[in-house]
C-alpha atoms as a PDB file:
ATOM      1  CA  MET A   1     -10.579 -10.957   1.229  1.00  0.00           C
ATOM      2  CA  ALA A   2      -8.087 -10.856  -1.509  1.00  0.00           C
ATOM      3  CA  LEU A   3      -4.477 -10.499  -1.278  1.00  0.00           C
ATOM      4  CA  PHE A   4      -2.780  -7.433  -2.924  1.00  0.00           C
ATOM      5  CA  VAL A   5       0.627  -5.874  -3.504  1.00  0.00           C
ATOM      6  CA  ALA A   6       0.476  -1.938  -3.667  1.00  0.00           C
ATOM      7  CA  GLU A   7       3.300   0.492  -4.509  1.00  0.00           C
ATOM      8  CA  HIS A   8       3.726   4.039  -3.841  1.00  0.00           C
ATOM      9  CA  ARG A   9       6.249   6.119  -5.584  1.00  0.00           C
ATOM     10  CA  HIS A  10       7.176   9.675  -5.584  1.00  0.00           C
ATOM     11  CA  SER A  11       9.977  12.045  -6.213  1.00  0.00           C
ATOM     12  CA  ALA A  12      12.511  13.191  -3.895  1.00  0.00           C
ATOM     13  CA  GLU A  13      10.965  16.694  -4.136  1.00  0.00           C
ATOM     14  CA  HIS A  14       7.693  15.323  -3.121  1.00  0.00           C
ATOM     15  CA  CYS A  15       8.614  13.345  -0.620  1.00  0.00           C
ATOM     16  CA  PRO A  16       5.861  13.463   2.261  1.00  0.00           C
ATOM     17  CA  ALA A  17       8.030  12.412   4.998  1.00  0.00           C
ATOM     18  CA  SER A  18       9.619  15.997   4.873  1.00  0.00           C
ATOM     19  CA  ASN A  19       6.028  17.393   5.111  1.00  0.00           C
ATOM     20  CA  PRO A  20       5.116  17.905   8.826  1.00  0.00           C
ATOM     21  CA  GLN A  21       1.612  17.852   7.900  1.00  0.00           C
ATOM     22  CA  MET A  22       1.477  15.080   5.487  1.00  0.00           C
ATOM     23  CA  ALA A  23       3.689  12.678   7.154  1.00  0.00           C
ATOM     24  CA  PRO A  24       1.795  12.164  10.451  1.00  0.00           C
ATOM     25  CA  PHE A  25      -1.510  11.874   8.539  1.00  0.00           C
ATOM     26  CA  LEU A  26      -0.014   9.264   6.001  1.00  0.00           C
ATOM     27  CA  LEU A  27       1.390   7.107   8.857  1.00  0.00           C
ATOM     28  CA  GLN A  28      -1.838   7.135  10.641  1.00  0.00           C
ATOM     29  CA  LEU A  29      -3.437   6.069   7.328  1.00  0.00           C
ATOM     30  CA  LEU A  30      -1.380   2.909   7.544  1.00  0.00           C
ATOM     31  CA  SER A  31      -2.087   2.156  11.045  1.00  0.00           C
ATOM     32  CA  ALA A  32      -4.159  -1.039  11.699  1.00  0.00           C
ATOM     33  CA  PRO A  33      -7.342   0.635  13.121  1.00  0.00           C
ATOM     34  CA  VAL A  34      -7.552   3.279  10.195  1.00  0.00           C
ATOM     35  CA  ALA A  35      -6.915   0.550   7.448  1.00  0.00           C
ATOM     36  CA  ALA A  36      -9.587  -1.766   9.171  1.00  0.00           C
ATOM     37  CA  LYS A  37     -12.098   1.054   8.910  1.00  0.00           C
ATOM     38  CA  HIS A  38     -11.624   0.499   5.253  1.00  0.00           C
ATOM     39  CA  GLY A  39     -11.924  -3.311   5.218  1.00  0.00           C
ATOM     40  CA  ILE A  40      -8.040  -3.581   4.830  1.00  0.00           C
ATOM     41  CA  THR A  41      -5.521  -5.622   6.865  1.00  0.00           C
ATOM     42  CA  VAL A  42      -1.720  -4.543   6.343  1.00  0.00           C
ATOM     43  CA  HIS A  43       0.330  -7.679   6.481  1.00  0.00           C
ATOM     44  CA  SER A  44       3.663  -5.838   5.733  1.00  0.00           C
ATOM     45  CA  GLU A  45       4.999  -2.340   4.543  1.00  0.00           C
ATOM     46  CA  ALA A  46       8.329  -1.234   3.866  1.00  0.00           C
ATOM     47  CA  VAL A  47      10.132   1.867   2.069  1.00  0.00           C
ATOM     48  CA  ALA A  48      13.275   1.109   0.038  1.00  0.00           C
ATOM     49  CA  ARG A  49      15.918   3.087   1.476  1.00  0.00           C
ATOM     50  CA  GLY A  50      16.542   6.160  -0.832  1.00  0.00           C
ATOM     51  CA  GLN A  51      14.343   5.172  -3.433  1.00  0.00           C
ATOM     52  CA  HIS A  52      11.021   6.967  -2.488  1.00  0.00           C
ATOM     53  CA  HIS A  53       9.296   3.711  -3.020  1.00  0.00           C
ATOM     54  CA  LEU A  54       6.562   2.361  -0.472  1.00  0.00           C
ATOM     55  CA  TYR A  55       5.520  -1.444  -0.781  1.00  0.00           C
ATOM     56  CA  LEU A  56       2.374  -2.977   1.175  1.00  0.00           C
ATOM     57  CA  ILE A  57       1.347  -6.427   1.261  1.00  0.00           C
ATOM     58  CA  VAL A  58      -2.487  -6.190   2.079  1.00  0.00           C
ATOM     59  CA  ASP A  59      -5.750  -8.012   2.172  1.00  0.00           C
ATOM     60  CA  GLY A  60      -9.003  -6.108   1.247  1.00  0.00           C
ATOM     61  CA  PRO A  61     -12.441  -6.730  -0.103  1.00  0.00           C
ATOM     62  CA  ASP A  62     -11.343  -5.565  -3.679  1.00  0.00           C
ATOM     63  CA  GLU A  63      -8.953  -3.454  -5.569  1.00  0.00           C
ATOM     64  CA  LYS A  64     -11.174  -0.531  -5.504  1.00  0.00           C
ATOM     65  CA  ALA A  65     -11.142  -0.612  -1.628  1.00  0.00           C
ATOM     66  CA  VAL A  66      -7.371  -0.701  -1.612  1.00  0.00           C
ATOM     67  CA  ARG A  67      -7.170   2.413  -4.184  1.00  0.00           C
ATOM     68  CA  THR A  68      -9.443   4.289  -2.024  1.00  0.00           C
ATOM     69  CA  TRP A  69      -7.647   3.688   0.933  1.00  0.00           C
ATOM     70  CA  LEU A  70      -4.285   4.798  -0.665  1.00  0.00           C
ATOM     71  CA  ALA A  71      -5.808   7.755  -2.558  1.00  0.00           C
ATOM     72  CA  PRO A  72      -3.973  10.161  -0.402  1.00  0.00           C
ATOM     73  CA  PHE A  73      -0.766   8.936  -1.232  1.00  0.00           C
ATOM     74  CA  ALA A  74      -1.706   9.638  -4.817  1.00  0.00           C
ATOM     75  CA  GLN A  75      -1.336  13.302  -3.972  1.00  0.00           C
ATOM     76  CA  ALA A  76       2.428  13.092  -3.680  1.00  0.00           C
ATOM     77  CA  GLY A  77       2.955  10.502  -6.565  1.00  0.00           C
ATOM     78  CA  SER A  78       1.741   7.339  -8.081  1.00  0.00           C
ATOM     79  CA  VAL A  79      -0.159   4.167  -6.540  1.00  0.00           C
ATOM     80  CA  ASP A  80      -0.228   0.878  -8.321  1.00  0.00           C
ATOM     81  CA  VAL A  81      -2.316  -1.962  -6.640  1.00  0.00           C
ATOM     82  CA  LEU A  82      -1.865  -5.551  -8.123  1.00  0.00           C
ATOM     83  CA  ALA A  83      -3.946  -8.632  -7.328  1.00  0.00           C
ATOM     84  CA  ALA A  84      -1.602 -11.101  -5.931  1.00  0.00           C
ATOM     85  CA  SER A  85      -1.299 -14.642  -4.614  1.00  0.00           C
ATOM     86  CA  ALA A  86       0.760 -16.375  -1.751  1.00  0.00           C
ATOM     87  CA  CYS A  87       3.459 -18.661  -3.133  1.00  0.00           C
ATOM     88  CA  GLU A  88       1.755 -21.905  -1.689  1.00  0.00           C
ATOM     89  CA  GLU A  89      -1.398 -20.785  -4.154  1.00  0.00           C
ATOM     90  CA  VAL A  90       0.993 -20.396  -6.992  1.00  0.00           C
ATOM     91  CA  VAL A  91       2.561 -23.768  -6.681  1.00  0.00           C
ATOM     92  CA  ALA A  92      -0.721 -25.280  -6.025  1.00  0.00           C
ATOM     93  CA  ARG A  93      -2.356 -24.116  -9.466  1.00  0.00           C
ATOM     94  CA  GLY A  94       0.945 -24.517 -11.259  1.00  0.00           C
ATOM     95  CA  GLN A  95       1.324 -21.236 -12.560  1.00  0.00           C
ATOM     96  CA  CYS A  96       1.861 -17.604 -11.473  1.00  0.00           C
END
């Protein structure tokens, strides 16, 4: 498993939270059981208030698996997935 930081951004006009069909679907997608079906473990998730940005810290088999899991979010905006490291790993190797 590898660590990833994912970010989903959308405009206020396309906010899925205001869509009565899309909002529950996307919330369910982030649930532990559904994420696990994709080989993903969600460590943390948060939405920046008023910014329409969702941030996720997840473990997954690879970037492709994380992108596939988050693909429904791309219907409302962008999805970025970045390989990441825990701070302890960064310090141990002496560089970001």
